[in-house]
Every structure is written in C-alpha cells, then in structure tokens.
Amino acid sequence: MVRQPLTPEQIESGRRLGALLRHARAGRDLAEVAHAAGISPETLRKIETGRLPSPGFGTIVCLGQALNVPVQELAATWRGSGDPPLEAVS
C-alpha cells in the first residue's frame, strides 16, 4: 500500500502537536516519557520535532496519558482550533 504524501497543512498540524508535547514534557526526560507511553524515544523525538507529523491514534492516546494531557486538547492542537491552555499542561 502506497502512502500519499502529507499536505503542508498536515505537516503544520504535526508541528503544532509536537510543540504541545514538548511543552507538556517540560523537564521530564524524553526516554522516561516515551517508555511510559510505550513508544521508543526516537519515535517521541520525531513526533516532537514534526518529522512524524501524523502519529497513530493509539500513540497519541498513550502520550496524552503519560503527559496528563487530555486527548481532546491534543486533537484541538492538531486541528489548529483554538489555543489550548498550555499552562494546564504543565
């Protein structure tokens, strides 16, 4: 199965999501958060830097749980709808 290239909008969505996750992770070790979410540190690094702009739903759910960020907030950030309250994440 051939995957279609991502659109510029999807790439920007991934960057927004990555920025939120980096902010939520704050002082926590990347490997610690990745382990808590059940993913590799490299995968988390790629998500946070926007190099993996469209991670799987399960990955996002697990990251939200590991970082105590509601899935609704992650989805709103990815969609670009509104400004999620980042101070609530820390």
C-alpha atoms as a PDB file:
ATOM      1  CA  MET A   1       0.000   0.000   0.000  1.00  0.00           C
ATOM      2  CA  VAL A   2       1.426   3.362  -1.029  1.00  0.00           C
ATOM      3  CA  ARG A   3       1.037   6.206   1.430  1.00  0.00           C
ATOM      4  CA  GLN A   4       0.087   9.570  -0.021  1.00  0.00           C
ATOM      5  CA  PRO A   5       2.454  12.459   0.711  1.00  0.00           C
ATOM      6  CA  LEU A   6       1.370  14.715   3.536  1.00  0.00           C
ATOM      7  CA  THR A   7      -0.065  18.105   2.713  1.00  0.00           C
ATOM      8  CA  PRO A   8       1.529  21.295   4.039  1.00  0.00           C
ATOM      9  CA  GLU A   9      -1.451  21.593   6.401  1.00  0.00           C
ATOM     10  CA  GLN A  10      -0.830  18.113   7.824  1.00  0.00           C
ATOM     11  CA  ILE A  11       2.840  18.916   8.298  1.00  0.00           C
ATOM     12  CA  GLU A  12       1.955  22.134  10.148  1.00  0.00           C
ATOM     13  CA  SER A  13      -0.533  20.196  12.288  1.00  0.00           C
ATOM     14  CA  GLY A  14       2.259  17.822  13.267  1.00  0.00           C
ATOM     15  CA  ARG A  15       4.486  20.738  14.219  1.00  0.00           C
ATOM     16  CA  ARG A  16       1.773  22.189  16.465  1.00  0.00           C
ATOM     17  CA  LEU A  17       1.232  18.806  18.109  1.00  0.00           C
ATOM     18  CA  GLY A  18       4.972  18.328  18.614  1.00  0.00           C
ATOM     19  CA  ALA A  19       5.302  21.754  20.237  1.00  0.00           C
ATOM     20  CA  LEU A  20       2.463  20.963  22.656  1.00  0.00           C
ATOM     21  CA  LEU A  21       4.006  17.613  23.577  1.00  0.00           C
ATOM     22  CA  ARG A  22       7.441  19.196  24.123  1.00  0.00           C
ATOM     23  CA  HIS A  23       5.845  21.836  26.337  1.00  0.00           C
ATOM     24  CA  ALA A  24       3.895  19.218  28.289  1.00  0.00           C
ATOM     25  CA  ARG A  25       7.019  17.105  28.766  1.00  0.00           C
ATOM     26  CA  ALA A  26       8.851  20.175  30.141  1.00  0.00           C
ATOM     27  CA  GLY A  27      11.567  18.918  32.493  1.00  0.00           C
ATOM     28  CA  ARG A  28      10.790  15.215  32.156  1.00  0.00           C
ATOM     29  CA  ASP A  29      13.301  13.011  30.408  1.00  0.00           C
ATOM     30  CA  LEU A  30      12.330  12.120  26.826  1.00  0.00           C
ATOM     31  CA  ALA A  31      13.154   8.437  27.339  1.00  0.00           C
ATOM     32  CA  GLU A  32      11.075   8.318  30.540  1.00  0.00           C
ATOM     33  CA  VAL A  33       8.009   9.750  28.787  1.00  0.00           C
ATOM     34  CA  ALA A  34       8.492   7.524  25.749  1.00  0.00           C
ATOM     35  CA  HIS A  35       8.723   4.450  27.978  1.00  0.00           C
ATOM     36  CA  ALA A  36       5.588   5.497  29.898  1.00  0.00           C
ATOM     37  CA  ALA A  37       3.750   5.852  26.570  1.00  0.00           C
ATOM     38  CA  GLY A  38       5.045   2.532  25.248  1.00  0.00           C
ATOM     39  CA  ILE A  39       6.977   4.030  22.341  1.00  0.00           C
ATOM     40  CA  SER A  40      10.646   4.406  21.538  1.00  0.00           C
ATOM     41  CA  PRO A  41      12.483   7.599  22.441  1.00  0.00           C
ATOM     42  CA  GLU A  42      13.265   8.060  18.736  1.00  0.00           C
ATOM     43  CA  THR A  43       9.559   7.956  17.881  1.00  0.00           C
ATOM     44  CA  LEU A  44       8.796  10.590  20.520  1.00  0.00           C
ATOM     45  CA  ARG A  45      11.694  12.703  19.252  1.00  0.00           C
ATOM     46  CA  LYS A  46      10.315  12.504  15.715  1.00  0.00           C
ATOM     47  CA  ILE A  47       6.816  13.464  16.868  1.00  0.00           C
ATOM     48  CA  GLU A  48       8.085  16.393  18.928  1.00  0.00           C
ATOM     49  CA  THR A  49      10.186  17.744  16.075  1.00  0.00           C
ATOM     50  CA  GLY A  50       7.449  17.349  13.473  1.00  0.00           C
ATOM     51  CA  ARG A  51       9.325  14.682  11.498  1.00  0.00           C
ATOM     52  CA  LEU A  52       6.443  12.285  12.241  1.00  0.00           C
ATOM     53  CA  PRO A  53       3.522  14.666  11.768  1.00  0.00           C
ATOM     54  CA  SER A  54       0.738  12.116  11.748  1.00  0.00           C
ATOM     55  CA  PRO A  55       1.334   9.560  14.515  1.00  0.00           C
ATOM     56  CA  GLY A  56      -1.142   6.761  15.144  1.00  0.00           C
ATOM     57  CA  PHE A  57      -4.180   7.375  17.319  1.00  0.00           C
ATOM     58  CA  GLY A  58      -3.042   4.854  19.933  1.00  0.00           C
ATOM     59  CA  THR A  59       0.309   6.586  20.189  1.00  0.00           C
ATOM     60  CA  ILE A  60      -1.379   9.923  20.801  1.00  0.00           C
ATOM     61  CA  VAL A  61      -3.699   8.434  23.427  1.00  0.00           C
ATOM     62  CA  CYS A  62      -0.738   6.885  25.255  1.00  0.00           C
ATOM     63  CA  LEU A  63       1.278  10.108  25.093  1.00  0.00           C
ATOM     64  CA  GLY A  64      -1.693  12.056  26.420  1.00  0.00           C
ATOM     65  CA  GLN A  65      -1.962   9.658  29.352  1.00  0.00           C
ATOM     66  CA  ALA A  66       1.785   9.733  30.039  1.00  0.00           C
ATOM     67  CA  LEU A  67       1.811  13.545  29.996  1.00  0.00           C
ATOM     68  CA  ASN A  68      -1.596  14.063  31.617  1.00  0.00           C
ATOM     69  CA  VAL A  69      -2.901  15.936  28.569  1.00  0.00           C
ATOM     70  CA  PRO A  70      -6.495  15.233  27.528  1.00  0.00           C
ATOM     71  CA  VAL A  71      -6.898  13.699  24.073  1.00  0.00           C
ATOM     72  CA  GLN A  72      -9.367  16.495  23.256  1.00  0.00           C
ATOM     73  CA  GLU A  73      -6.628  19.063  23.824  1.00  0.00           C
ATOM     74  CA  LEU A  74      -4.205  17.140  21.621  1.00  0.00           C
ATOM     75  CA  ALA A  75      -6.843  16.897  18.891  1.00  0.00           C
ATOM     76  CA  ALA A  76      -7.677  20.610  19.114  1.00  0.00           C
ATOM     77  CA  THR A  77      -3.996  21.463  18.785  1.00  0.00           C
ATOM     78  CA  TRP A  78      -3.543  19.157  15.803  1.00  0.00           C
ATOM     79  CA  ARG A  79      -6.608  20.691  14.119  1.00  0.00           C
ATOM     80  CA  GLY A  80      -5.464  24.206  14.965  1.00  0.00           C
ATOM     81  CA  SER A  81      -8.828  25.002  16.537  1.00  0.00           C
ATOM     82  CA  GLY A  82      -8.334  27.429  19.349  1.00  0.00           C
ATOM     83  CA  ASP A  83      -5.419  27.873  21.652  1.00  0.00           C
ATOM     84  CA  PRO A  84      -5.222  25.050  24.158  1.00  0.00           C
ATOM     85  CA  PRO A  85      -4.456  26.187  27.689  1.00  0.00           C
ATOM     86  CA  LEU A  86      -0.785  25.247  27.811  1.00  0.00           C
ATOM     87  CA  GLU A  87      -0.488  26.322  31.452  1.00  0.00           C
ATOM     88  CA  ALA A  88      -2.914  23.500  32.337  1.00  0.00           C
ATOM     89  CA  VAL A  89      -0.497  21.012  30.780  1.00  0.00           C
ATOM     90  CA  SER A  90       2.491  21.733  32.991  1.00  0.00           C
END
